[in-house]
C-alpha atoms as a PDB file:
ATOM      1  CA  MET A   1      10.053   6.443  45.992  1.00  0.00           C
ATOM      2  CA  LEU A   2       7.909   3.497  46.790  1.00  0.00           C
ATOM      3  CA  SER A   3      10.085   2.989  50.435  1.00  0.00           C
ATOM      4  CA  LEU A   4       8.682   6.602  50.846  1.00  0.00           C
ATOM      5  CA  ILE A   5       4.947   5.623  49.953  1.00  0.00           C
ATOM      6  CA  ARG A   6       5.014   2.415  52.348  1.00  0.00           C
ATOM      7  CA  SER A   7       6.718   4.046  55.106  1.00  0.00           C
ATOM      8  CA  PRO A   8       4.389   4.152  58.758  1.00  0.00           C
ATOM      9  CA  SER A   9       5.762   7.554  58.752  1.00  0.00           C
ATOM     10  CA  VAL A  10       3.750   8.848  55.565  1.00  0.00           C
ATOM     11  CA  ILE A  11       0.679   5.690  56.946  1.00  0.00           C
ATOM     12  CA  ARG A  12       0.693   7.818  59.494  1.00  0.00           C
ATOM     13  CA  ALA A  13       0.606  11.207  58.854  1.00  0.00           C
ATOM     14  CA  GLY A  14      -2.940  10.436  57.269  1.00  0.00           C
ATOM     15  CA  ILE A  15      -1.853  11.068  53.663  1.00  0.00           C
ATOM     16  CA  ASN A  16      -3.495   8.460  51.179  1.00  0.00           C
ATOM     17  CA  PRO A  17      -0.209   5.884  49.483  1.00  0.00           C
ATOM     18  CA  GLY A  18      -2.555   5.861  46.159  1.00  0.00           C
ATOM     19  CA  CYS A  19      -2.186  10.290  45.680  1.00  0.00           C
ATOM     20  CA  PHE A  20       1.639  10.006  44.686  1.00  0.00           C
ATOM     21  CA  VAL A  21       1.934   9.148  41.092  1.00  0.00           C
ATOM     22  CA  LEU A  22       4.600   8.112  39.973  1.00  0.00           C
ATOM     23  CA  PRO A  23       5.893   8.457  36.547  1.00  0.00           C
ATOM     24  CA  ALA A  24       4.985   5.478  33.282  1.00  0.00           C
ATOM     25  CA  ARG A  25       8.076   4.958  31.447  1.00  0.00           C
ATOM     26  CA  SER A  26       7.620   6.054  27.937  1.00  0.00           C
ATOM     27  CA  ILE A  27      10.283   5.003  26.631  1.00  0.00           C
ATOM     28  CA  SER A  28      10.862   1.203  26.033  1.00  0.00           C
ATOM     29  CA  PHE A  29      13.864  -0.674  24.065  1.00  0.00           C
ATOM     30  CA  LYS A  30      12.322  -4.026  23.886  1.00  0.00           C
ATOM     31  CA  PRO A  31      10.598  -4.081  20.006  1.00  0.00           C
ATOM     32  CA  ASP A  32       6.579  -4.857  19.421  1.00  0.00           C
ATOM     33  CA  PHE A  33       6.472  -7.237  16.961  1.00  0.00           C
ATOM     34  CA  SER A  34       2.599  -7.869  17.725  1.00  0.00           C
ATOM     35  CA  LYS A  35       1.222  -5.798  15.010  1.00  0.00           C
ATOM     36  CA  TYR A  36       3.105  -7.783  12.820  1.00  0.00           C
ATOM     37  CA  LYS A  37       1.288 -10.717  12.966  1.00  0.00           C
ATOM     38  CA  LYS A  38      -1.882 -11.812  10.991  1.00  0.00           C
ATOM     39  CA  ILE A  39      -4.938 -11.265  12.527  1.00  0.00           C
ATOM     40  CA  PRO A  40      -6.870 -13.809  13.474  1.00  0.00           C
ATOM     41  CA  GLN A  41     -10.075 -15.101  11.592  1.00  0.00           C
ATOM     42  CA  PRO A  42     -13.099 -16.842  12.598  1.00  0.00           C
ATOM     43  CA  PRO A  43     -14.086 -20.539  11.663  1.00  0.00           C
ATOM     44  CA  GLY A  44     -15.957 -19.231   7.616  1.00  0.00           C
ATOM     45  CA  ASN A  45     -15.136 -15.026   8.543  1.00  0.00           C
ATOM     46  CA  ILE A  46     -18.678 -15.071  10.379  1.00  0.00           C
ATOM     47  CA  VAL A  47     -18.755 -12.426  12.744  1.00  0.00           C
ATOM     48  CA  GLY A  48     -22.090 -12.385  14.985  1.00  0.00           C
ATOM     49  CA  THR A  49     -24.755 -14.243  15.121  1.00  0.00           C
ATOM     50  CA  VAL A  50     -27.954 -13.920  12.440  1.00  0.00           C
ATOM     51  CA  ASN A  51     -29.978 -11.249  14.141  1.00  0.00           C
ATOM     52  CA  ASP A  52     -26.713  -8.884  14.360  1.00  0.00           C
ATOM     53  CA  ALA A  53     -27.110  -6.370  11.703  1.00  0.00           C
ATOM     54  CA  ALA A  54     -24.530  -6.411   8.637  1.00  0.00           C
ATOM     55  CA  LYS A  55     -21.622  -4.288   8.737  1.00  0.00           C
ATOM     56  CA  ILE A  56     -21.239  -1.987   6.126  1.00  0.00           C
ATOM     57  CA  PRO A  57     -17.714  -1.732   5.096  1.00  0.00           C
ATOM     58  CA  LEU A  58     -15.822   1.761   3.902  1.00  0.00           C
ATOM     59  CA  VAL A  59     -16.463   2.906   0.607  1.00  0.00           C
ATOM     60  CA  SER A  60     -12.846   3.398  -1.616  1.00  0.00           C
ATOM     61  CA  TYR A  61     -14.340   4.109  -4.787  1.00  0.00           C
ATOM     62  CA  TYR A  62     -10.151   3.664  -5.955  1.00  0.00           C
ATOM     63  CA  ASP A  63     -10.244  -0.043  -4.181  1.00  0.00           C
ATOM     64  CA  GLY A  64     -13.938  -0.334  -5.660  1.00  0.00           C
ATOM     65  CA  GLY A  65     -16.262  -0.226  -8.639  1.00  0.00           C
ATOM     66  CA  TYR A  66     -13.816   1.949 -10.078  1.00  0.00           C
ATOM     67  CA  HIS A  67     -10.823   0.021 -10.222  1.00  0.00           C
ATOM     68  CA  TRP A  68     -11.960  -1.736 -12.741  1.00  0.00           C
ATOM     69  CA  THR A  69     -13.338   0.828 -15.213  1.00  0.00           C
ATOM     70  CA  TYR A  70     -10.055   2.255 -14.884  1.00  0.00           C
ATOM     71  CA  GLU A  71      -8.276  -1.382 -15.649  1.00  0.00           C
ATOM     72  CA  ARG A  72     -10.338  -1.422 -18.182  1.00  0.00           C
ATOM     73  CA  LEU A  73     -10.014   2.210 -19.420  1.00  0.00           C
ATOM     74  CA  ILE A  74      -6.181   2.112 -19.397  1.00  0.00           C
ATOM     75  CA  THR A  75      -5.944  -2.097 -21.263  1.00  0.00           C
ATOM     76  CA  VAL A  76      -8.750  -0.606 -23.762  1.00  0.00           C
ATOM     77  CA  GLY A  77      -6.195   2.424 -24.474  1.00  0.00           C
ATOM     78  CA  LEU A  78      -2.909   0.726 -24.900  1.00  0.00           C
ATOM     79  CA  VAL A  79      -3.436  -1.345 -27.293  1.00  0.00           C
ATOM     80  CA  PRO A  80      -4.202   1.778 -30.280  1.00  0.00           C
ATOM     81  CA  LEU A  81      -0.632   3.044 -28.521  1.00  0.00           C
ATOM     82  CA  ALA A  82       0.496  -0.402 -28.931  1.00  0.00           C
ATOM     83  CA  MET A  83       0.222  -1.075 -33.142  1.00  0.00           C
ATOM     84  CA  SER A  84       1.610   3.054 -33.668  1.00  0.00           C
ATOM     85  CA  PRO A  85       4.972   2.064 -33.651  1.00  0.00           C
ATOM     86  CA  LEU A  86       4.044  -0.661 -35.795  1.00  0.00           C
ATOM     87  CA  ILE A  87       2.082   1.587 -38.338  1.00  0.00           C
ATOM     88  CA  GLY A  88       3.757   5.026 -38.243  1.00  0.00           C
ATOM     89  CA  GLY A  89       7.392   4.169 -37.015  1.00  0.00           C
ATOM     90  CA  VAL A  90       9.553   5.426 -33.733  1.00  0.00           C
ATOM     91  CA  ASP A  91       9.823   9.131 -34.414  1.00  0.00           C
ATOM     92  CA  TYR A  92       6.754  10.137 -32.334  1.00  0.00           C
ATOM     93  CA  PRO A  93       8.062  11.219 -28.130  1.00  0.00           C
ATOM     94  CA  MET A  94       4.849  12.153 -27.413  1.00  0.00           C
ATOM     95  CA  ILE A  95       2.277   8.657 -28.207  1.00  0.00           C
ATOM     96  CA  ASP A  96       6.451   6.584 -26.848  1.00  0.00           C
ATOM     97  CA  SER A  97       5.892   8.678 -23.675  1.00  0.00           C
ATOM     98  CA  ILE A  98       2.067   8.048 -23.467  1.00  0.00           C
ATOM     99  CA  PHE A  99       2.300   4.281 -23.990  1.00  0.00           C
ATOM    100  CA  ALA A 100       5.309   3.918 -20.759  1.00  0.00           C
ATOM    101  CA  ILE A 101       3.224   6.254 -18.380  1.00  0.00           C
ATOM    102  CA  GLY A 102      -0.102   4.030 -19.839  1.00  0.00           C
ATOM    103  CA  LEU A 103       1.845   1.046 -19.429  1.00  0.00           C
ATOM    104  CA  LEU A 104       3.068   1.210 -15.922  1.00  0.00           C
ATOM    105  CA  PHE A 105      -0.265   2.653 -14.559  1.00  0.00           C
ATOM    106  CA  HIS A 106      -1.217  -1.094 -16.171  1.00  0.00           C
ATOM    107  CA  CYS A 107       0.737  -2.831 -14.145  1.00  0.00           C
ATOM    108  CA  HIS A 108      -0.027  -0.485 -10.904  1.00  0.00           C
ATOM    109  CA  ALA A 109      -3.027  -1.228 -10.929  1.00  0.00           C
ATOM    110  CA  GLY A 110      -2.882  -5.252 -11.737  1.00  0.00           C
ATOM    111  CA  PHE A 111      -0.245  -5.662  -8.503  1.00  0.00           C
ATOM    112  CA  LYS A 112      -2.376  -3.655  -6.649  1.00  0.00           C
ATOM    113  CA  SER A 113      -6.051  -6.251  -7.574  1.00  0.00           C
ATOM    114  CA  CYS A 114      -2.611  -8.846  -6.611  1.00  0.00           C
ATOM    115  CA  ILE A 115      -2.543  -7.122  -3.066  1.00  0.00           C
ATOM    116  CA  ILE A 116      -6.298  -6.720  -3.037  1.00  0.00           C
ATOM    117  CA  ASP A 117      -6.943 -10.286  -3.450  1.00  0.00           C
ATOM    118  CA  TYR A 118      -4.591 -11.930  -1.979  1.00  0.00           C
ATOM    119  CA  ILE A 119      -3.187  -9.685   0.568  1.00  0.00           C
ATOM    120  CA  PRO A 120      -6.673  -8.708   2.584  1.00  0.00           C
ATOM    121  CA  GLU A 121      -6.411  -5.712   4.922  1.00  0.00           C
ATOM    122  CA  ARG A 122      -8.725  -8.059   7.642  1.00  0.00           C
ATOM    123  CA  VAL A 123      -6.740 -10.920   7.736  1.00  0.00           C
ATOM    124  CA  TRP A 124      -2.795  -9.320   7.276  1.00  0.00           C
ATOM    125  CA  GLY A 125      -3.244  -5.695   8.565  1.00  0.00           C
ATOM    126  CA  VAL A 126       0.002  -3.688   8.518  1.00  0.00           C
ATOM    127  CA  TRP A 127       1.101  -6.525   5.871  1.00  0.00           C
ATOM    128  CA  HIS A 128      -1.260  -4.581   2.913  1.00  0.00           C
ATOM    129  CA  ARG A 129      -0.511  -1.201   3.868  1.00  0.00           C
ATOM    130  CA  ILE A 130       3.127  -2.334   3.503  1.00  0.00           C
ATOM    131  CA  ALA A 131       2.603  -3.901   0.251  1.00  0.00           C
ATOM    132  CA  CYS A 132       0.700  -0.854  -0.809  1.00  0.00           C
ATOM    133  CA  ARG A 133       3.821   1.650  -0.038  1.00  0.00           C
ATOM    134  CA  ILE A 134       6.049  -0.368  -1.519  1.00  0.00           C
ATOM    135  CA  LEU A 135       3.816  -0.853  -4.713  1.00  0.00           C
ATOM    136  CA  THR A 136       3.598   3.047  -5.003  1.00  0.00           C
ATOM    137  CA  PHE A 137       7.191   3.500  -4.635  1.00  0.00           C
ATOM    138  CA  GLY A 138       8.208   1.022  -6.864  1.00  0.00           C
ATOM    139  CA  THR A 139       5.745   3.113  -9.157  1.00  0.00           C
ATOM    140  CA  PHE A 140       7.330   6.422  -8.524  1.00  0.00           C
ATOM    141  CA  THR A 141      10.580   4.693  -8.978  1.00  0.00           C
ATOM    142  CA  ALA A 142       9.652   3.768 -12.334  1.00  0.00           C
ATOM    143  CA  MET A 143       8.177   6.851 -13.467  1.00  0.00           C
ATOM    144  CA  TYR A 144      11.920   8.617 -12.618  1.00  0.00           C
ATOM    145  CA  GLY A 145      12.838   4.989 -14.704  1.00  0.00           C
ATOM    146  CA  ILE A 146      10.932   6.231 -17.946  1.00  0.00           C
ATOM    147  CA  TYR A 147      11.882   9.926 -17.708  1.00  0.00           C
ATOM    148  CA  ASN A 148      15.073   9.186 -18.265  1.00  0.00           C
ATOM    149  CA  LEU A 149      14.526   6.739 -20.721  1.00  0.00           C
ATOM    150  CA  GLU A 150      12.639   9.677 -22.476  1.00  0.00           C
ATOM    151  CA  THR A 151      14.917  12.331 -21.748  1.00  0.00           C
ATOM    152  CA  GLU A 152      18.016  10.933 -21.980  1.00  0.00           C
ATOM    153  CA  ASN A 153      17.897   8.251 -24.332  1.00  0.00           C
ATOM    154  CA  GLU A 154      15.377   8.119 -27.374  1.00  0.00           C
ATOM    155  CA  GLY A 155      12.236   6.038 -25.567  1.00  0.00           C
ATOM    156  CA  LEU A 156      11.140   2.887 -24.604  1.00  0.00           C
ATOM    157  CA  PHE A 157       9.566   1.740 -28.346  1.00  0.00           C
ATOM    158  CA  ASP A 158      13.301   2.385 -29.961  1.00  0.00           C
ATOM    159  CA  LEU A 159      14.147   0.422 -26.496  1.00  0.00           C
ATOM    160  CA  VAL A 160      12.598  -2.534 -27.933  1.00  0.00           C
ATOM    161  CA  LYS A 161      13.449  -2.008 -31.273  1.00  0.00           C
ATOM    162  CA  SER A 162      17.604  -1.806 -30.192  1.00  0.00           C
ATOM    163  CA  ILE A 163      17.034  -5.273 -28.042  1.00  0.00           C
ATOM    164  CA  TRP A 164      14.864  -6.802 -31.161  1.00  0.00           C
ATOM    165  CA  ASN A 165      17.768  -6.007 -33.614  1.00  0.00           C
ATOM    166  CA  ALA A 166      20.647  -7.192 -31.095  1.00  0.00           C
END
């Protein structure tokens, strides 16, 4: 095809060689690892000059100010739930399951805060999203484990009691 475009007969016929569009190869087996690299940051993370307008970050209510409130509400709610087996015994499956789910969300919020603080998206890019997805997958897997623990066994409080007495 390339020899056809550059042939003298095509040029003598008055056909523009640029009118032939060669199809681009859309499938490549060569891996592109450029999106997995750390994003280079300017010194001091200062972008632009003094006269440039400040860029307002996107609003994310879960990762922003409400995230702290969610964490505190879950933490305050876990205190009486953790005291309930000491006062009333371990025979209340509803309190047991609410405590297990609350503890799971407390751990999820804590690890999410660590990911936000130590793997920021502006620096790590795709690795931040991968870490968040792994955390979410682990949380759903743990939720399934809590479901099995509550339905097939006696629950979290009884598990801790049996480990304590072992």
